[in-house]
Amino acid sequence: MWHCLIIEDDYENARYIANGLNELRHDAVVCGNGADGMRRATEQQWDIIILDRMLPGNIDGLTILSTLRALGNKTPVLVLSALSGVDERVRGLKSGGDDYLTKPFAFSELVARIEALVRRAGTDDTVKELRMADLKLDLISRKVHRAGKVISLQPREYRLLVHLMQNAGNVVTRTMLLESVWDYRFDPQSNVIDVQISRLRRKIDSGQQTQLIHTVWGEGYVLSEHATPGQDIEPA
């Protein structure tokens, strides 16, 4: 169960998020302004803080972020905002945000991003290797092996594979990949992700009996040993 703090002045949006999280058996607390949000964020322990970028009054989202980080608070913060420009997203991340989601958003994507942030925060810093079936990625040497065979990857392909393996079993959307792997440098309508996924799939899955990189049509991609209904493999 996650202990979630939602700092959002839009009552309907805040309740929508809180109700959805509560239905998933998580504990969600709502603060409707920056002052209350700052107090709750600094006085209690949370697994995730969902923070609106624009808040009324003198304490806005960026102020809360910078204050938390100055105090050494490392709680993962997912910033929500109607400001979708690249510069605004970069400001949010540079102020200490761990992820940035623009409004309107799908609740399923919100949950997927929270899962990734909570998992990342709980990851043991001593982890040196990621595994999925017979695929092994060494985080220290940056070497990748599949069935004992060395696989040579370009830097972007490596980052893409790391992200997929860190989120193994969960659907990773194109937007999530753009933000985590491409640092917002590409238009979401670009086919750059599809091209890189196809290249990575050829290197990882070509000639293998078990396919690991799956396409979830209309949603994104997932790294898994098993395809499920709604998932399919793109043609080579």
C-alpha atoms as a PDB file:
ATOM      1  CA  MET A   1       0.000   0.000   0.000  1.00  0.00           C
ATOM      2  CA  TRP A   2       1.236   3.487  -0.862  1.00  0.00           C
ATOM      3  CA  HIS A   3       0.874   6.482   1.443  1.00  0.00           C
ATOM      4  CA  CYS A   4       0.113   9.259  -1.050  1.00  0.00           C
ATOM      5  CA  LEU A   5      -0.065  13.007  -0.503  1.00  0.00           C
ATOM      6  CA  ILE A   6      -2.025  14.882  -3.173  1.00  0.00           C
ATOM      7  CA  ILE A   7      -1.448  18.654  -3.212  1.00  0.00           C
ATOM      8  CA  GLU A   8      -4.004  19.971  -5.686  1.00  0.00           C
ATOM      9  CA  ASP A   9      -6.326  23.002  -5.498  1.00  0.00           C
ATOM     10  CA  ASP A  10      -8.747  21.640  -8.114  1.00  0.00           C
ATOM     11  CA  TYR A  11     -11.164  19.775  -5.843  1.00  0.00           C
ATOM     12  CA  GLU A  12     -12.682  17.601  -8.559  1.00  0.00           C
ATOM     13  CA  ASN A  13      -9.299  16.537  -9.912  1.00  0.00           C
ATOM     14  CA  ALA A  14      -7.950  15.873  -6.417  1.00  0.00           C
ATOM     15  CA  ARG A  15     -10.934  13.705  -5.480  1.00  0.00           C
ATOM     16  CA  TYR A  16     -10.745  11.876  -8.791  1.00  0.00           C
ATOM     17  CA  ILE A  17      -7.132  10.913  -8.076  1.00  0.00           C
ATOM     18  CA  ALA A  18      -7.744  10.138  -4.397  1.00  0.00           C
ATOM     19  CA  ASN A  19     -10.805   7.999  -5.056  1.00  0.00           C
ATOM     20  CA  GLY A  20      -8.983   6.050  -7.743  1.00  0.00           C
ATOM     21  CA  LEU A  21      -6.021   5.372  -5.452  1.00  0.00           C
ATOM     22  CA  ASN A  22      -8.283   4.438  -2.558  1.00  0.00           C
ATOM     23  CA  GLU A  23     -10.109   1.955  -4.783  1.00  0.00           C
ATOM     24  CA  LEU A  24      -6.720   0.353  -5.433  1.00  0.00           C
ATOM     25  CA  ARG A  25      -6.344   0.033  -1.629  1.00  0.00           C
ATOM     26  CA  HIS A  26      -3.802   2.849  -1.265  1.00  0.00           C
ATOM     27  CA  ASP A  27      -3.964   5.603   1.356  1.00  0.00           C
ATOM     28  CA  ALA A  28      -4.478   9.037  -0.234  1.00  0.00           C
ATOM     29  CA  VAL A  29      -4.588  12.376   1.598  1.00  0.00           C
ATOM     30  CA  VAL A  30      -5.608  15.607  -0.161  1.00  0.00           C
ATOM     31  CA  CYS A  31      -4.366  19.131   0.571  1.00  0.00           C
ATOM     32  CA  GLY A  32      -6.058  21.961  -1.315  1.00  0.00           C
ATOM     33  CA  ASN A  33      -3.391  24.658  -1.017  1.00  0.00           C
ATOM     34  CA  GLY A  34       0.338  25.108  -0.867  1.00  0.00           C
ATOM     35  CA  ALA A  35       0.580  26.011   2.828  1.00  0.00           C
ATOM     36  CA  ASP A  36      -1.224  22.869   4.000  1.00  0.00           C
ATOM     37  CA  GLY A  37       0.620  20.799   1.444  1.00  0.00           C
ATOM     38  CA  MET A  38       4.005  22.078   2.597  1.00  0.00           C
ATOM     39  CA  ARG A  39       3.145  21.312   6.214  1.00  0.00           C
ATOM     40  CA  ARG A  40       1.936  17.765   5.530  1.00  0.00           C
ATOM     41  CA  ALA A  41       4.836  17.068   3.159  1.00  0.00           C
ATOM     42  CA  THR A  42       7.456  18.054   5.739  1.00  0.00           C
ATOM     43  CA  GLU A  43       5.808  16.674   8.882  1.00  0.00           C
ATOM     44  CA  GLN A  44       4.947  13.165   7.681  1.00  0.00           C
ATOM     45  CA  GLN A  45       6.493  10.327   5.703  1.00  0.00           C
ATOM     46  CA  TRP A  46       5.022   9.591   2.273  1.00  0.00           C
ATOM     47  CA  ASP A  47       5.719   7.053  -0.433  1.00  0.00           C
ATOM     48  CA  ILE A  48       4.754   9.525  -3.166  1.00  0.00           C
ATOM     49  CA  ILE A  49       3.713  13.178  -3.399  1.00  0.00           C
ATOM     50  CA  ILE A  50       1.444  14.161  -6.300  1.00  0.00           C
ATOM     51  CA  LEU A  51       1.936  17.896  -6.674  1.00  0.00           C
ATOM     52  CA  ASP A  52       0.054  20.423  -8.769  1.00  0.00           C
ATOM     53  CA  ARG A  53       2.454  22.824 -10.460  1.00  0.00           C
ATOM     54  CA  MET A  54       0.144  25.842 -10.141  1.00  0.00           C
ATOM     55  CA  LEU A  55      -1.241  26.537  -6.659  1.00  0.00           C
ATOM     56  CA  PRO A  56      -2.949  29.693  -5.345  1.00  0.00           C
ATOM     57  CA  GLY A  57      -1.117  31.983  -2.938  1.00  0.00           C
ATOM     58  CA  ASN A  58       2.580  32.463  -2.317  1.00  0.00           C
ATOM     59  CA  ILE A  59       3.446  28.783  -2.048  1.00  0.00           C
ATOM     60  CA  ASP A  60       3.247  27.140  -5.457  1.00  0.00           C
ATOM     61  CA  GLY A  61       4.387  23.719  -6.573  1.00  0.00           C
ATOM     62  CA  LEU A  62       7.943  24.757  -7.404  1.00  0.00           C
ATOM     63  CA  THR A  63       8.335  26.393  -3.997  1.00  0.00           C
ATOM     64  CA  ILE A  64       7.260  23.192  -2.276  1.00  0.00           C
ATOM     65  CA  LEU A  65       9.627  21.164  -4.446  1.00  0.00           C
ATOM     66  CA  SER A  66      12.676  23.326  -3.847  1.00  0.00           C
ATOM     67  CA  THR A  67      11.966  23.474  -0.105  1.00  0.00           C
ATOM     68  CA  LEU A  68      11.659  19.708   0.207  1.00  0.00           C
ATOM     69  CA  ARG A  69      14.925  19.123  -1.631  1.00  0.00           C
ATOM     70  CA  ALA A  70      16.717  21.821   0.388  1.00  0.00           C
ATOM     71  CA  LEU A  71      15.626  19.991   3.542  1.00  0.00           C
ATOM     72  CA  GLY A  72      17.058  16.748   2.183  1.00  0.00           C
ATOM     73  CA  ASN A  73      13.613  15.213   1.681  1.00  0.00           C
ATOM     74  CA  LYS A  74      13.927  12.587  -1.064  1.00  0.00           C
ATOM     75  CA  THR A  75      10.266  11.561  -1.300  1.00  0.00           C
ATOM     76  CA  PRO A  76       9.403  10.955  -4.986  1.00  0.00           C
ATOM     77  CA  VAL A  77       7.340  13.829  -6.400  1.00  0.00           C
ATOM     78  CA  LEU A  78       5.126  13.547  -9.465  1.00  0.00           C
ATOM     79  CA  VAL A  79       4.319  17.021 -10.777  1.00  0.00           C
ATOM     80  CA  LEU A  80       0.938  17.612 -12.406  1.00  0.00           C
ATOM     81  CA  SER A  81       0.395  20.639 -14.619  1.00  0.00           C
ATOM     82  CA  ALA A  82      -1.661  22.078 -17.439  1.00  0.00           C
ATOM     83  CA  LEU A  83       1.573  23.694 -18.638  1.00  0.00           C
ATOM     84  CA  SER A  84       2.803  21.287 -21.293  1.00  0.00           C
ATOM     85  CA  GLY A  85       5.681  23.281 -22.766  1.00  0.00           C
ATOM     86  CA  VAL A  86       9.135  21.716 -22.688  1.00  0.00           C
ATOM     87  CA  ASP A  87      10.575  24.647 -20.722  1.00  0.00           C
ATOM     88  CA  GLU A  88       7.920  24.260 -18.032  1.00  0.00           C
ATOM     89  CA  ARG A  89       8.529  20.530 -17.731  1.00  0.00           C
ATOM     90  CA  VAL A  90      12.263  21.118 -17.470  1.00  0.00           C
ATOM     91  CA  ARG A  91      11.672  23.725 -14.737  1.00  0.00           C
ATOM     92  CA  GLY A  92       9.608  21.217 -12.809  1.00  0.00           C
ATOM     93  CA  LEU A  93      12.274  18.547 -13.049  1.00  0.00           C
ATOM     94  CA  LYS A  94      15.138  20.921 -12.243  1.00  0.00           C
ATOM     95  CA  SER A  95      13.265  22.126  -9.157  1.00  0.00           C
ATOM     96  CA  GLY A  96      13.363  18.585  -7.809  1.00  0.00           C
ATOM     97  CA  GLY A  97      10.460  16.804  -9.463  1.00  0.00           C
ATOM     98  CA  ASP A  98      10.987  13.140 -10.291  1.00  0.00           C
ATOM     99  CA  ASP A  99       8.411  13.032 -13.085  1.00  0.00           C
ATOM    100  CA  TYR A 100       6.029  15.444 -14.841  1.00  0.00           C
ATOM    101  CA  LEU A 101       2.566  14.611 -16.132  1.00  0.00           C
ATOM    102  CA  THR A 102       0.505  17.115 -18.101  1.00  0.00           C
ATOM    103  CA  LYS A 103      -3.249  17.536 -17.722  1.00  0.00           C
ATOM    104  CA  PRO A 104      -5.522  16.015 -18.842  1.00  0.00           C
ATOM    105  CA  PHE A 105      -4.114  12.548 -18.196  1.00  0.00           C
ATOM    106  CA  ALA A 106      -5.319   8.962 -18.057  1.00  0.00           C
ATOM    107  CA  PHE A 107      -5.564   7.560 -14.540  1.00  0.00           C
ATOM    108  CA  SER A 108      -3.856   4.353 -15.718  1.00  0.00           C
ATOM    109  CA  GLU A 109      -0.798   6.347 -16.780  1.00  0.00           C
ATOM    110  CA  LEU A 110      -0.766   8.220 -13.479  1.00  0.00           C
ATOM    111  CA  VAL A 111      -0.712   4.899 -11.610  1.00  0.00           C
ATOM    112  CA  ALA A 112       2.006   3.494 -13.881  1.00  0.00           C
ATOM    113  CA  ARG A 113       4.195   6.522 -13.225  1.00  0.00           C
ATOM    114  CA  ILE A 114       3.620   6.307  -9.477  1.00  0.00           C
ATOM    115  CA  GLU A 115       4.534   2.616  -9.539  1.00  0.00           C
ATOM    116  CA  ALA A 116       7.785   3.409 -11.349  1.00  0.00           C
ATOM    117  CA  LEU A 117       8.708   6.219  -8.934  1.00  0.00           C
ATOM    118  CA  VAL A 118       7.905   4.222  -5.799  1.00  0.00           C
ATOM    119  CA  ARG A 119       9.806   1.219  -7.121  1.00  0.00           C
ATOM    120  CA  ARG A 120      12.783   3.374  -8.066  1.00  0.00           C
ATOM    121  CA  ALA A 121      12.836   5.018  -4.628  1.00  0.00           C
ATOM    122  CA  GLY A 122      12.809   1.603  -2.963  1.00  0.00           C
ATOM    123  CA  THR A 123      15.532   0.148  -5.175  1.00  0.00           C
ATOM    124  CA  ASP A 124      18.619  -0.956  -3.342  1.00  0.00           C
ATOM    125  CA  ASP A 125      21.536   1.204  -4.529  1.00  0.00           C
ATOM    126  CA  THR A 126      23.711  -1.922  -4.460  1.00  0.00           C
ATOM    127  CA  VAL A 127      21.734  -3.522  -7.305  1.00  0.00           C
ATOM    128  CA  LYS A 128      24.234  -4.176 -10.066  1.00  0.00           C
ATOM    129  CA  GLU A 129      22.298  -6.365 -12.455  1.00  0.00           C
ATOM    130  CA  LEU A 130      18.871  -6.587 -14.066  1.00  0.00           C
ATOM    131  CA  ARG A 131      17.448  -9.888 -15.333  1.00  0.00           C
ATOM    132  CA  MET A 132      14.481 -11.076 -17.354  1.00  0.00           C
ATOM    133  CA  ALA A 133      14.439 -14.763 -18.331  1.00  0.00           C
ATOM    134  CA  ASP A 134      17.829 -15.364 -20.028  1.00  0.00           C
ATOM    135  CA  LEU A 135      18.395 -11.635 -20.633  1.00  0.00           C
ATOM    136  CA  LYS A 136      20.975 -10.072 -18.316  1.00  0.00           C
ATOM    137  CA  LEU A 137      22.041  -6.433 -18.076  1.00  0.00           C
ATOM    138  CA  ASP A 138      25.071  -5.487 -15.976  1.00  0.00           C
ATOM    139  CA  LEU A 139      24.586  -1.923 -14.677  1.00  0.00           C
ATOM    140  CA  ILE A 140      28.254  -1.566 -13.795  1.00  0.00           C
ATOM    141  CA  SER A 141      29.933  -2.758 -16.989  1.00  0.00           C
ATOM    142  CA  ARG A 142      26.883  -1.827 -19.133  1.00  0.00           C
ATOM    143  CA  LYS A 143      27.161  -5.206 -20.862  1.00  0.00           C
ATOM    144  CA  VAL A 144      24.088  -7.068 -22.086  1.00  0.00           C
ATOM    145  CA  HIS A 145      23.802 -10.846 -22.578  1.00  0.00           C
ATOM    146  CA  ARG A 146      20.984 -12.968 -23.959  1.00  0.00           C
ATOM    147  CA  ALA A 147      21.325 -16.736 -23.572  1.00  0.00           C
ATOM    148  CA  GLY A 148      25.003 -16.217 -22.815  1.00  0.00           C
ATOM    149  CA  LYS A 149      25.629 -14.227 -25.993  1.00  0.00           C
ATOM    150  CA  VAL A 150      26.941 -10.654 -25.789  1.00  0.00           C
ATOM    151  CA  ILE A 151      24.604  -8.088 -27.359  1.00  0.00           C
ATOM    152  CA  SER A 152      26.110  -4.817 -28.535  1.00  0.00           C
ATOM    153  CA  LEU A 153      23.820  -1.819 -27.996  1.00  0.00           C
ATOM    154  CA  GLN A 154      24.080   1.836 -28.905  1.00  0.00           C
ATOM    155  CA  PRO A 155      23.812   4.277 -25.932  1.00  0.00           C
ATOM    156  CA  ARG A 156      20.161   5.124 -26.645  1.00  0.00           C
ATOM    157  CA  GLU A 157      19.264   1.457 -27.086  1.00  0.00           C
ATOM    158  CA  TYR A 158      20.947   0.706 -23.761  1.00  0.00           C
ATOM    159  CA  ARG A 159      18.972   3.421 -21.944  1.00  0.00           C
ATOM    160  CA  LEU A 160      15.779   2.161 -23.547  1.00  0.00           C
ATOM    161  CA  LEU A 161      16.462  -1.397 -22.427  1.00  0.00           C
ATOM    162  CA  VAL A 162      17.321  -0.284 -18.880  1.00  0.00           C
ATOM    163  CA  HIS A 163      14.003   1.561 -18.656  1.00  0.00           C
ATOM    164  CA  LEU A 164      12.061  -1.438 -19.953  1.00  0.00           C
ATOM    165  CA  MET A 165      13.822  -3.814 -17.560  1.00  0.00           C
ATOM    166  CA  GLN A 166      13.314  -1.517 -14.571  1.00  0.00           C
ATOM    167  CA  ASN A 167       9.602  -1.528 -15.418  1.00  0.00           C
ATOM    168  CA  ALA A 168       9.420  -5.208 -16.415  1.00  0.00           C
ATOM    169  CA  GLY A 169       5.872  -6.517 -16.511  1.00  0.00           C
ATOM    170  CA  ASN A 170       4.348  -3.018 -16.668  1.00  0.00           C
ATOM    171  CA  VAL A 171       3.248  -1.162 -19.779  1.00  0.00           C
ATOM    172  CA  VAL A 172       5.559   1.739 -20.597  1.00  0.00           C
ATOM    173  CA  THR A 173       3.844   4.399 -22.710  1.00  0.00           C
ATOM    174  CA  ARG A 174       5.493   6.349 -25.500  1.00  0.00           C
ATOM    175  CA  THR A 175       5.154   9.512 -23.426  1.00  0.00           C
ATOM    176  CA  MET A 176       6.986   7.874 -20.530  1.00  0.00           C
ATOM    177  CA  LEU A 177       9.795   6.806 -22.861  1.00  0.00           C
ATOM    178  CA  LEU A 178      10.053  10.280 -24.399  1.00  0.00           C
ATOM    179  CA  GLU A 179      10.463  11.814 -20.973  1.00  0.00           C
ATOM    180  CA  SER A 180      12.736   9.183 -19.420  1.00  0.00           C
ATOM    181  CA  VAL A 181      14.931   8.167 -22.351  1.00  0.00           C
ATOM    182  CA  TRP A 182      14.760  11.088 -24.786  1.00  0.00           C
ATOM    183  CA  ASP A 183      14.625  13.972 -22.277  1.00  0.00           C
ATOM    184  CA  TYR A 184      11.767  15.716 -24.108  1.00  0.00           C
ATOM    185  CA  ARG A 185      13.838  16.341 -27.202  1.00  0.00           C
ATOM    186  CA  PHE A 186      11.392  14.816 -29.641  1.00  0.00           C
ATOM    187  CA  ASP A 187       7.835  15.536 -30.716  1.00  0.00           C
ATOM    188  CA  PRO A 188       5.475  12.865 -29.265  1.00  0.00           C
ATOM    189  CA  GLN A 189       4.161  12.339 -32.807  1.00  0.00           C
ATOM    190  CA  SER A 190       7.616  11.289 -34.029  1.00  0.00           C
ATOM    191  CA  ASN A 191       8.195   7.632 -34.900  1.00  0.00           C
ATOM    192  CA  VAL A 192      11.638   7.695 -33.261  1.00  0.00           C
ATOM    193  CA  ILE A 193      10.447   5.424 -30.430  1.00  0.00           C
ATOM    194  CA  ASP A 194       8.996   2.847 -32.803  1.00  0.00           C
ATOM    195  CA  VAL A 195      12.222   2.827 -34.810  1.00  0.00           C
ATOM    196  CA  GLN A 196      14.393   2.343 -31.722  1.00  0.00           C
ATOM    197  CA  ILE A 197      12.095  -0.339 -30.297  1.00  0.00           C
ATOM    198  CA  SER A 198      12.266  -2.230 -33.599  1.00  0.00           C
ATOM    199  CA  ARG A 199      16.069  -2.055 -33.592  1.00  0.00           C
ATOM    200  CA  LEU A 200      16.248  -3.146 -29.976  1.00  0.00           C
ATOM    201  CA  ARG A 201      13.791  -5.988 -30.599  1.00  0.00           C
ATOM    202  CA  ARG A 202      15.889  -7.306 -33.471  1.00  0.00           C
ATOM    203  CA  LYS A 203      18.958  -7.388 -31.235  1.00  0.00           C
ATOM    204  CA  ILE A 204      17.222  -8.856 -28.176  1.00  0.00           C
ATOM    205  CA  ASP A 205      14.589 -11.194 -29.653  1.00  0.00           C
ATOM    206  CA  SER A 206      15.837 -12.159 -33.104  1.00  0.00           C
ATOM    207  CA  GLY A 207      16.378 -15.929 -33.300  1.00  0.00           C
ATOM    208  CA  GLN A 208      15.098 -16.465 -29.748  1.00  0.00           C
ATOM    209  CA  GLN A 209      12.301 -18.889 -28.938  1.00  0.00           C
ATOM    210  CA  THR A 210      10.892 -16.591 -26.246  1.00  0.00           C
ATOM    211  CA  GLN A 211      10.099 -13.041 -27.325  1.00  0.00           C
ATOM    212  CA  LEU A 212      10.552 -10.494 -24.524  1.00  0.00           C
ATOM    213  CA  ILE A 213       9.672  -7.094 -26.011  1.00  0.00           C
ATOM    214  CA  HIS A 214       5.951  -6.815 -26.654  1.00  0.00           C
ATOM    215  CA  THR A 215       3.786  -4.078 -28.120  1.00  0.00           C
ATOM    216  CA  VAL A 216       0.563  -3.249 -26.313  1.00  0.00           C
ATOM    217  CA  TRP A 217      -1.407  -1.741 -29.163  1.00  0.00           C
ATOM    218  CA  GLY A 218      -2.618   1.780 -28.469  1.00  0.00           C
ATOM    219  CA  GLU A 219      -0.725   1.979 -25.163  1.00  0.00           C
ATOM    220  CA  GLY A 220       2.998   1.310 -25.420  1.00  0.00           C
ATOM    221  CA  TYR A 221       5.436  -1.509 -24.737  1.00  0.00           C
ATOM    222  CA  VAL A 222       6.137  -4.091 -22.075  1.00  0.00           C
ATOM    223  CA  LEU A 223       9.083  -6.365 -21.304  1.00  0.00           C
ATOM    224  CA  SER A 224       7.707  -9.754 -20.323  1.00  0.00           C
ATOM    225  CA  GLU A 225       8.269 -13.470 -20.809  1.00  0.00           C
ATOM    226  CA  HIS A 226       4.610 -13.903 -21.690  1.00  0.00           C
ATOM    227  CA  ALA A 227       2.332 -12.043 -24.074  1.00  0.00           C
ATOM    228  CA  THR A 228      -1.200 -11.513 -22.774  1.00  0.00           C
ATOM    229  CA  PRO A 229      -4.451 -10.567 -24.537  1.00  0.00           C
ATOM    230  CA  GLY A 230      -4.027  -7.080 -26.007  1.00  0.00           C
ATOM    231  CA  GLN A 231      -0.310  -7.588 -26.512  1.00  0.00           C
ATOM    232  CA  ASP A 232       1.327  -8.548 -29.758  1.00  0.00           C
ATOM    233  CA  ILE A 233       4.754  -8.616 -31.350  1.00  0.00           C
ATOM    234  CA  GLU A 234       5.497  -6.091 -34.032  1.00  0.00           C
ATOM    235  CA  PRO A 235       6.719  -7.679 -37.250  1.00  0.00           C
ATOM    236  CA  ALA A 236      10.476  -7.633 -37.667  1.00  0.00           C
END
